[in-house]
Amino acid sequence: MVEWTDFERETIQKLFENMNYEEVGPAALSRCLVVYPWTQRYFGNFGNLYNAVAITTNPLIAKHGITILHGLDRAVKNMDNIKATYAELSVLHSEKLHVDPDNFRLLSDCLTIVLAARLGRAFTGDVQAAFQKFLAVVVSSLGKQYH
């Protein structure tokens, strides 16, 4: 079980309360698909992903980016039991979609970069540490089925 400090809980909740999902979600997923092009293989039915412009303007990518952030809402609301919260999603991604679990880490890195760029100086080392701890727990939980 993960132990959260009051600062970490408050920080995570504030980050998500103030996050513009319609901007951050699509930007994070697009960045992941551009920077790590092998991750595109899971989005073959999303249409044209041939270059950065096609990816960043693709409405299906934008929609899925928003969906991912709403999925993270579940973890924010269940910080004391993230593994159980994501049990079904872990099974879906491992057994049905066959997603490489390392892609969750790549996406979390891209989400951190996008958020840091938007928050600027407000994204302090302490804020980053709390956010990355949260994402590490989510990534571990999503990868649980693979172990």
N, C-alpha and C. Protein backbone atom coordinates (compact mmCIF):
# COMPACT_ATOMS: atom_id res chain seq x y z
N MET A 1 0.84 -1.19 0.00
CA MET A 1 0.00 0.00 0.00
C MET A 1 0.88 1.25 0.00
N VAL A 2 0.49 2.21 -0.77
CA VAL A 2 1.22 3.47 -0.88
C VAL A 2 0.78 4.40 0.24
N GLU A 3 1.72 5.07 0.82
CA GLU A 3 1.40 6.06 1.84
C GLU A 3 1.55 7.44 1.22
N TRP A 4 0.53 8.27 1.40
CA TRP A 4 0.51 9.61 0.85
C TRP A 4 0.58 10.63 1.98
N THR A 5 1.38 11.64 1.80
CA THR A 5 1.40 12.74 2.75
C THR A 5 0.23 13.65 2.44
N ASP A 6 -0.10 14.50 3.39
CA ASP A 6 -1.17 15.48 3.15
C ASP A 6 -0.81 16.38 1.97
N PHE A 7 0.47 16.77 1.90
CA PHE A 7 0.91 17.62 0.79
C PHE A 7 0.70 16.91 -0.55
N GLU A 8 1.06 15.64 -0.63
CA GLU A 8 0.91 14.89 -1.88
C GLU A 8 -0.56 14.79 -2.28
N ARG A 9 -1.42 14.45 -1.33
CA ARG A 9 -2.85 14.34 -1.62
C ARG A 9 -3.41 15.68 -2.13
N GLU A 10 -3.11 16.73 -1.41
CA GLU A 10 -3.61 18.06 -1.78
C GLU A 10 -3.07 18.49 -3.14
N THR A 11 -1.80 18.22 -3.37
CA THR A 11 -1.18 18.61 -4.64
C THR A 11 -1.84 17.89 -5.81
N ILE A 12 -2.01 16.58 -5.69
CA ILE A 12 -2.61 15.80 -6.77
C ILE A 12 -4.04 16.29 -7.02
N GLN A 13 -4.80 16.48 -5.97
CA GLN A 13 -6.18 16.93 -6.14
C GLN A 13 -6.24 18.31 -6.78
N LYS A 14 -5.38 19.22 -6.37
CA LYS A 14 -5.37 20.56 -6.95
C LYS A 14 -4.95 20.53 -8.42
N LEU A 15 -3.94 19.71 -8.74
CA LEU A 15 -3.50 19.62 -10.13
C LEU A 15 -4.65 19.19 -11.03
N PHE A 16 -5.39 18.18 -10.60
CA PHE A 16 -6.48 17.69 -11.44
C PHE A 16 -7.69 18.61 -11.43
N GLU A 17 -7.94 19.28 -10.32
CA GLU A 17 -9.05 20.23 -10.28
C GLU A 17 -8.82 21.40 -11.23
N ASN A 18 -7.57 21.80 -11.38
CA ASN A 18 -7.24 22.97 -12.19
C ASN A 18 -6.77 22.63 -13.60
N MET A 19 -6.69 21.36 -13.92
CA MET A 19 -6.18 20.93 -15.22
C MET A 19 -7.25 21.11 -16.30
N ASN A 20 -6.83 21.65 -17.43
CA ASN A 20 -7.72 21.76 -18.58
C ASN A 20 -7.59 20.46 -19.39
N TYR A 21 -8.51 19.55 -19.17
CA TYR A 21 -8.43 18.23 -19.79
C TYR A 21 -8.43 18.30 -21.31
N GLU A 22 -9.17 19.26 -21.86
CA GLU A 22 -9.28 19.38 -23.32
C GLU A 22 -7.98 19.84 -23.96
N GLU A 23 -7.09 20.44 -23.19
CA GLU A 23 -5.78 20.83 -23.72
C GLU A 23 -4.69 19.83 -23.33
N VAL A 24 -4.65 19.48 -22.07
CA VAL A 24 -3.55 18.66 -21.55
C VAL A 24 -3.62 17.22 -22.07
N GLY A 25 -4.80 16.62 -22.06
CA GLY A 25 -4.93 15.22 -22.51
C GLY A 25 -4.47 15.02 -23.95
N PRO A 26 -5.04 15.78 -24.90
CA PRO A 26 -4.60 15.63 -26.28
C PRO A 26 -3.12 15.96 -26.47
N ALA A 27 -2.62 16.98 -25.77
CA ALA A 27 -1.21 17.36 -25.91
C ALA A 27 -0.29 16.25 -25.41
N ALA A 28 -0.64 15.63 -24.29
CA ALA A 28 0.20 14.56 -23.74
C ALA A 28 0.21 13.33 -24.64
N LEU A 29 -0.98 12.90 -25.08
CA LEU A 29 -1.04 11.72 -25.95
C LEU A 29 -0.37 12.00 -27.29
N SER A 30 -0.59 13.17 -27.86
CA SER A 30 0.05 13.52 -29.13
C SER A 30 1.56 13.51 -28.99
N ARG A 31 2.06 14.10 -27.91
CA ARG A 31 3.51 14.12 -27.68
C ARG A 31 4.06 12.69 -27.60
N CYS A 32 3.36 11.84 -26.90
CA CYS A 32 3.80 10.45 -26.78
C CYS A 32 3.87 9.77 -28.14
N LEU A 33 2.86 9.97 -28.97
CA LEU A 33 2.83 9.33 -30.28
C LEU A 33 3.87 9.89 -31.24
N VAL A 34 4.23 11.17 -31.07
CA VAL A 34 5.23 11.79 -31.92
C VAL A 34 6.63 11.40 -31.46
N VAL A 35 6.88 11.50 -30.17
CA VAL A 35 8.22 11.24 -29.64
C VAL A 35 8.55 9.75 -29.66
N TYR A 36 7.56 8.92 -29.42
CA TYR A 36 7.74 7.46 -29.39
C TYR A 36 6.84 6.84 -30.45
N PRO A 37 7.23 6.94 -31.72
CA PRO A 37 6.33 6.54 -32.81
C PRO A 37 5.87 5.08 -32.77
N TRP A 38 6.62 4.22 -32.11
CA TRP A 38 6.19 2.82 -32.03
C TRP A 38 4.90 2.66 -31.22
N THR A 39 4.56 3.67 -30.41
CA THR A 39 3.31 3.61 -29.64
C THR A 39 2.09 3.79 -30.54
N GLN A 40 2.30 4.26 -31.76
CA GLN A 40 1.19 4.47 -32.69
C GLN A 40 0.51 3.17 -33.09
N ARG A 41 1.20 2.06 -32.94
CA ARG A 41 0.66 0.78 -33.41
C ARG A 41 -0.68 0.43 -32.76
N TYR A 42 -0.94 0.98 -31.59
CA TYR A 42 -2.19 0.70 -30.89
C TYR A 42 -3.34 1.58 -31.36
N PHE A 43 -3.05 2.50 -32.25
CA PHE A 43 -4.05 3.46 -32.71
C PHE A 43 -4.25 3.38 -34.22
N GLY A 44 -4.08 2.21 -34.77
CA GLY A 44 -4.20 2.01 -36.21
C GLY A 44 -5.55 2.37 -36.77
N ASN A 45 -6.58 2.27 -35.96
CA ASN A 45 -7.92 2.60 -36.44
C ASN A 45 -8.29 4.06 -36.20
N PHE A 46 -7.29 4.88 -35.85
CA PHE A 46 -7.53 6.31 -35.61
C PHE A 46 -7.26 7.17 -36.84
N GLY A 47 -6.97 6.55 -37.96
CA GLY A 47 -6.75 7.32 -39.19
C GLY A 47 -5.31 7.74 -39.38
N ASN A 48 -5.12 8.87 -40.02
CA ASN A 48 -3.81 9.37 -40.42
C ASN A 48 -2.97 9.77 -39.20
N LEU A 49 -1.87 9.05 -39.01
CA LEU A 49 -0.90 9.37 -37.95
C LEU A 49 0.50 9.46 -38.56
N TYR A 50 0.59 9.95 -39.79
CA TYR A 50 1.84 9.91 -40.53
C TYR A 50 2.87 10.95 -40.12
N ASN A 51 2.43 12.01 -39.47
CA ASN A 51 3.40 13.03 -39.04
C ASN A 51 2.82 13.78 -37.84
N ALA A 52 3.63 14.66 -37.28
CA ALA A 52 3.24 15.37 -36.06
C ALA A 52 1.96 16.20 -36.25
N VAL A 53 1.84 16.85 -37.39
CA VAL A 53 0.65 17.66 -37.64
C VAL A 53 -0.59 16.78 -37.70
N ALA A 54 -0.49 15.66 -38.39
CA ALA A 54 -1.63 14.75 -38.49
C ALA A 54 -2.03 14.22 -37.11
N ILE A 55 -1.05 13.94 -36.29
CA ILE A 55 -1.33 13.42 -34.94
C ILE A 55 -1.98 14.49 -34.07
N THR A 56 -1.38 15.67 -34.05
CA THR A 56 -1.87 16.72 -33.15
C THR A 56 -3.22 17.30 -33.57
N THR A 57 -3.61 17.10 -34.82
CA THR A 57 -4.91 17.59 -35.28
C THR A 57 -5.96 16.49 -35.41
N ASN A 58 -5.60 15.28 -35.03
CA ASN A 58 -6.51 14.14 -35.16
C ASN A 58 -7.54 14.17 -34.02
N PRO A 59 -8.82 14.31 -34.35
CA PRO A 59 -9.85 14.40 -33.31
C PRO A 59 -9.99 13.14 -32.45
N LEU A 60 -9.67 11.98 -33.02
CA LEU A 60 -9.75 10.75 -32.24
C LEU A 60 -8.63 10.67 -31.20
N ILE A 61 -7.47 11.18 -31.57
CA ILE A 61 -6.36 11.24 -30.61
C ILE A 61 -6.73 12.22 -29.49
N ALA A 62 -7.27 13.36 -29.86
CA ALA A 62 -7.68 14.36 -28.86
C ALA A 62 -8.71 13.76 -27.90
N LYS A 63 -9.69 13.09 -28.45
CA LYS A 63 -10.74 12.50 -27.62
C LYS A 63 -10.17 11.45 -26.67
N HIS A 64 -9.25 10.62 -27.18
CA HIS A 64 -8.67 9.58 -26.32
C HIS A 64 -7.78 10.19 -25.24
N GLY A 65 -7.09 11.27 -25.58
CA GLY A 65 -6.28 11.97 -24.57
C GLY A 65 -7.14 12.47 -23.42
N ILE A 66 -8.30 12.99 -23.74
CA ILE A 66 -9.24 13.46 -22.72
C ILE A 66 -9.76 12.26 -21.90
N THR A 67 -10.05 11.17 -22.58
CA THR A 67 -10.51 9.95 -21.91
C THR A 67 -9.48 9.45 -20.91
N ILE A 68 -8.21 9.51 -21.30
CA ILE A 68 -7.13 9.07 -20.41
C ILE A 68 -7.13 9.91 -19.13
N LEU A 69 -7.25 11.22 -19.27
CA LEU A 69 -7.26 12.07 -18.07
C LEU A 69 -8.47 11.79 -17.20
N HIS A 70 -9.62 11.54 -17.81
CA HIS A 70 -10.79 11.19 -17.01
C HIS A 70 -10.57 9.83 -16.32
N GLY A 71 -9.82 8.96 -16.95
CA GLY A 71 -9.45 7.70 -16.31
C GLY A 71 -8.57 7.93 -15.10
N LEU A 72 -7.71 8.93 -15.17
CA LEU A 72 -6.86 9.25 -14.02
C LEU A 72 -7.68 9.83 -12.86
N ASP A 73 -8.83 10.42 -13.18
CA ASP A 73 -9.73 10.89 -12.12
C ASP A 73 -10.07 9.78 -11.14
N ARG A 74 -10.23 8.58 -11.67
CA ARG A 74 -10.56 7.43 -10.82
C ARG A 74 -9.47 7.20 -9.78
N ALA A 75 -8.23 7.37 -10.19
CA ALA A 75 -7.11 7.19 -9.25
C ALA A 75 -7.08 8.31 -8.23
N VAL A 76 -7.37 9.53 -8.67
CA VAL A 76 -7.39 10.67 -7.74
C VAL A 76 -8.45 10.44 -6.66
N LYS A 77 -9.58 9.90 -7.06
CA LYS A 77 -10.67 9.67 -6.11
C LYS A 77 -10.45 8.44 -5.24
N ASN A 78 -9.51 7.59 -5.64
CA ASN A 78 -9.25 6.33 -4.92
C ASN A 78 -7.76 6.16 -4.62
N MET A 79 -7.14 7.21 -4.13
CA MET A 79 -5.68 7.19 -3.95
C MET A 79 -5.21 6.10 -2.98
N ASP A 80 -6.07 5.63 -2.12
CA ASP A 80 -5.67 4.59 -1.18
C ASP A 80 -5.85 3.18 -1.73
N ASN A 81 -6.40 3.07 -2.93
CA ASN A 81 -6.61 1.75 -3.51
C ASN A 81 -6.55 1.81 -5.03
N ILE A 82 -5.49 2.39 -5.55
CA ILE A 82 -5.36 2.57 -7.00
C ILE A 82 -5.25 1.23 -7.72
N LYS A 83 -4.55 0.28 -7.15
CA LYS A 83 -4.39 -1.03 -7.82
C LYS A 83 -5.73 -1.70 -8.06
N ALA A 84 -6.58 -1.72 -7.06
CA ALA A 84 -7.91 -2.33 -7.24
C ALA A 84 -8.76 -1.51 -8.20
N THR A 85 -8.60 -0.20 -8.16
CA THR A 85 -9.36 0.69 -9.04
C THR A 85 -9.07 0.39 -10.50
N TYR A 86 -7.83 0.04 -10.80
CA TYR A 86 -7.43 -0.20 -12.18
C TYR A 86 -7.32 -1.68 -12.55
N ALA A 87 -7.82 -2.56 -11.73
CA ALA A 87 -7.71 -3.99 -12.01
C ALA A 87 -8.32 -4.36 -13.36
N GLU A 88 -9.54 -3.91 -13.63
CA GLU A 88 -10.21 -4.24 -14.90
C GLU A 88 -9.49 -3.60 -16.08
N LEU A 89 -9.05 -2.37 -15.91
CA LEU A 89 -8.35 -1.67 -16.99
C LEU A 89 -7.02 -2.36 -17.29
N SER A 90 -6.37 -2.89 -16.27
CA SER A 90 -5.13 -3.62 -16.46
C SER A 90 -5.36 -4.87 -17.30
N VAL A 91 -6.42 -5.59 -16.98
CA VAL A 91 -6.77 -6.79 -17.75
C VAL A 91 -7.09 -6.42 -19.19
N LEU A 92 -7.87 -5.38 -19.40
CA LEU A 92 -8.22 -4.94 -20.75
C LEU A 92 -6.97 -4.63 -21.57
N HIS A 93 -6.07 -3.84 -21.00
CA HIS A 93 -4.88 -3.43 -21.75
C HIS A 93 -3.89 -4.58 -21.98
N SER A 94 -3.85 -5.53 -21.07
CA SER A 94 -2.90 -6.63 -21.24
C SER A 94 -3.46 -7.76 -22.09
N GLU A 95 -4.69 -8.17 -21.83
CA GLU A 95 -5.22 -9.37 -22.47
C GLU A 95 -5.98 -9.11 -23.76
N LYS A 96 -6.64 -7.98 -23.86
CA LYS A 96 -7.41 -7.70 -25.07
C LYS A 96 -6.65 -6.80 -26.03
N LEU A 97 -6.09 -5.71 -25.50
CA LEU A 97 -5.42 -4.74 -26.37
C LEU A 97 -3.94 -5.04 -26.57
N HIS A 98 -3.37 -5.85 -25.70
CA HIS A 98 -1.95 -6.25 -25.77
C HIS A 98 -1.01 -5.05 -25.83
N VAL A 99 -1.28 -4.08 -24.97
CA VAL A 99 -0.45 -2.87 -24.91
C VAL A 99 0.82 -3.18 -24.13
N ASP A 100 1.95 -2.79 -24.67
CA ASP A 100 3.23 -2.92 -23.97
C ASP A 100 3.14 -2.06 -22.71
N PRO A 101 3.35 -2.63 -21.53
CA PRO A 101 3.17 -1.86 -20.30
C PRO A 101 4.15 -0.69 -20.16
N ASP A 102 5.27 -0.71 -20.88
CA ASP A 102 6.20 0.41 -20.82
C ASP A 102 5.59 1.66 -21.44
N ASN A 103 4.59 1.49 -22.29
CA ASN A 103 3.94 2.66 -22.89
C ASN A 103 3.21 3.51 -21.87
N PHE A 104 2.76 2.91 -20.79
CA PHE A 104 2.12 3.69 -19.73
C PHE A 104 3.13 4.66 -19.11
N ARG A 105 4.36 4.18 -18.93
CA ARG A 105 5.41 5.04 -18.38
C ARG A 105 5.75 6.15 -19.35
N LEU A 106 5.85 5.82 -20.63
CA LEU A 106 6.16 6.84 -21.63
C LEU A 106 5.08 7.93 -21.65
N LEU A 107 3.83 7.51 -21.59
CA LEU A 107 2.74 8.48 -21.58
C LEU A 107 2.78 9.32 -20.30
N SER A 108 3.09 8.71 -19.19
CA SER A 108 3.14 9.48 -17.94
C SER A 108 4.27 10.50 -17.99
N ASP A 109 5.38 10.16 -18.62
CA ASP A 109 6.47 11.13 -18.80
C ASP A 109 6.01 12.30 -19.66
N CYS A 110 5.30 12.00 -20.73
CA CYS A 110 4.80 13.07 -21.61
C CYS A 110 3.77 13.93 -20.89
N LEU A 111 2.94 13.32 -20.08
CA LEU A 111 1.97 14.09 -19.30
C LEU A 111 2.68 15.03 -18.33
N THR A 112 3.74 14.55 -17.71
CA THR A 112 4.51 15.38 -16.79
C THR A 112 5.12 16.57 -17.52
N ILE A 113 5.66 16.34 -18.70
CA ILE A 113 6.28 17.42 -19.49
C ILE A 113 5.24 18.46 -19.88
N VAL A 114 4.10 18.01 -20.36
CA VAL A 114 3.04 18.93 -20.77
C VAL A 114 2.55 19.75 -19.58
N LEU A 115 2.34 19.10 -18.47
CA LEU A 115 1.87 19.81 -17.29
C LEU A 115 2.92 20.81 -16.80
N ALA A 116 4.17 20.41 -16.80
CA ALA A 116 5.25 21.31 -16.37
C ALA A 116 5.31 22.54 -17.27
N ALA A 117 5.16 22.34 -18.56
CA ALA A 117 5.21 23.47 -19.49
C ALA A 117 4.05 24.43 -19.25
N ARG A 118 2.89 23.90 -18.90
CA ARG A 118 1.73 24.75 -18.68
C ARG A 118 1.78 25.47 -17.33
N LEU A 119 2.35 24.82 -16.33
CA LEU A 119 2.38 25.41 -14.99
C LEU A 119 3.60 26.29 -14.75
N GLY A 120 4.64 26.08 -15.53
CA GLY A 120 5.84 26.91 -15.37
C GLY A 120 6.44 26.79 -13.99
N ARG A 121 6.72 27.93 -13.37
CA ARG A 121 7.38 27.96 -12.05
C ARG A 121 6.53 27.34 -10.95
N ALA A 122 5.24 27.26 -11.15
CA ALA A 122 4.37 26.63 -10.14
C ALA A 122 4.61 25.12 -10.05
N PHE A 123 5.23 24.57 -11.08
CA PHE A 123 5.54 23.13 -11.10
C PHE A 123 6.90 22.94 -10.44
N THR A 124 6.92 23.11 -9.13
CA THR A 124 8.15 23.02 -8.35
C THR A 124 8.63 21.57 -8.25
N GLY A 125 9.79 21.39 -7.72
CA GLY A 125 10.31 20.03 -7.51
C GLY A 125 9.40 19.20 -6.62
N ASP A 126 8.85 19.83 -5.58
CA ASP A 126 7.95 19.10 -4.68
C ASP A 126 6.65 18.71 -5.38
N VAL A 127 6.14 19.60 -6.21
CA VAL A 127 4.93 19.30 -6.97
C VAL A 127 5.22 18.18 -7.97
N GLN A 128 6.34 18.27 -8.65
CA GLN A 128 6.72 17.22 -9.60
C GLN A 128 6.89 15.88 -8.90
N ALA A 129 7.53 15.88 -7.75
CA ALA A 129 7.73 14.62 -7.01
C ALA A 129 6.40 13.97 -6.65
N ALA A 130 5.45 14.78 -6.18
CA ALA A 130 4.13 14.25 -5.83
C ALA A 130 3.41 13.71 -7.07
N PHE A 131 3.47 14.48 -8.16
CA PHE A 131 2.80 14.07 -9.39
C PHE A 131 3.41 12.79 -9.96
N GLN A 132 4.73 12.72 -9.97
CA GLN A 132 5.37 11.53 -10.52
C GLN A 132 5.18 10.31 -9.62
N LYS A 133 5.10 10.51 -8.32
CA LYS A 133 4.78 9.40 -7.43
C LYS A 133 3.39 8.86 -7.76
N PHE A 134 2.44 9.78 -7.93
CA PHE A 134 1.08 9.39 -8.28
C PHE A 134 1.06 8.61 -9.60
N LEU A 135 1.73 9.15 -10.61
CA LEU A 135 1.75 8.47 -11.91
C LEU A 135 2.46 7.13 -11.84
N ALA A 136 3.50 7.02 -11.03
CA ALA A 136 4.21 5.75 -10.88
C ALA A 136 3.29 4.68 -10.29
N VAL A 137 2.45 5.07 -9.36
CA VAL A 137 1.49 4.12 -8.77
C VAL A 137 0.46 3.71 -9.83
N VAL A 138 0.00 4.67 -10.61
CA VAL A 138 -0.96 4.36 -11.68
C VAL A 138 -0.33 3.41 -12.70
N VAL A 139 0.88 3.72 -13.13
CA VAL A 139 1.57 2.88 -14.12
C VAL A 139 1.77 1.46 -13.58
N SER A 140 2.18 1.37 -12.33
CA SER A 140 2.35 0.06 -11.71
C SER A 140 1.04 -0.71 -11.66
N SER A 141 -0.03 -0.01 -11.34
CA SER A 141 -1.35 -0.64 -11.25
C SER A 141 -1.84 -1.11 -12.61
N LEU A 142 -1.61 -0.31 -13.64
CA LEU A 142 -2.01 -0.71 -14.99
C LEU A 142 -1.18 -1.88 -15.49
N GLY A 143 0.04 -1.99 -15.02
CA GLY A 143 0.91 -3.08 -15.43
C GLY A 143 0.79 -4.31 -14.58
N LYS A 144 -0.04 -4.26 -13.56
CA LYS A 144 -0.17 -5.37 -12.60
C LYS A 144 -0.50 -6.70 -13.28
N GLN A 145 -1.38 -6.67 -14.26
CA GLN A 145 -1.83 -7.89 -14.93
C GLN A 145 -0.70 -8.56 -15.72
N TYR A 146 0.32 -7.81 -16.06
CA TYR A 146 1.42 -8.34 -16.86
C TYR A 146 2.38 -9.19 -16.03
N HIS A 147 2.34 -9.04 -14.73
CA HIS A 147 3.32 -9.72 -13.86
C HIS A 147 2.94 -11.15 -13.58
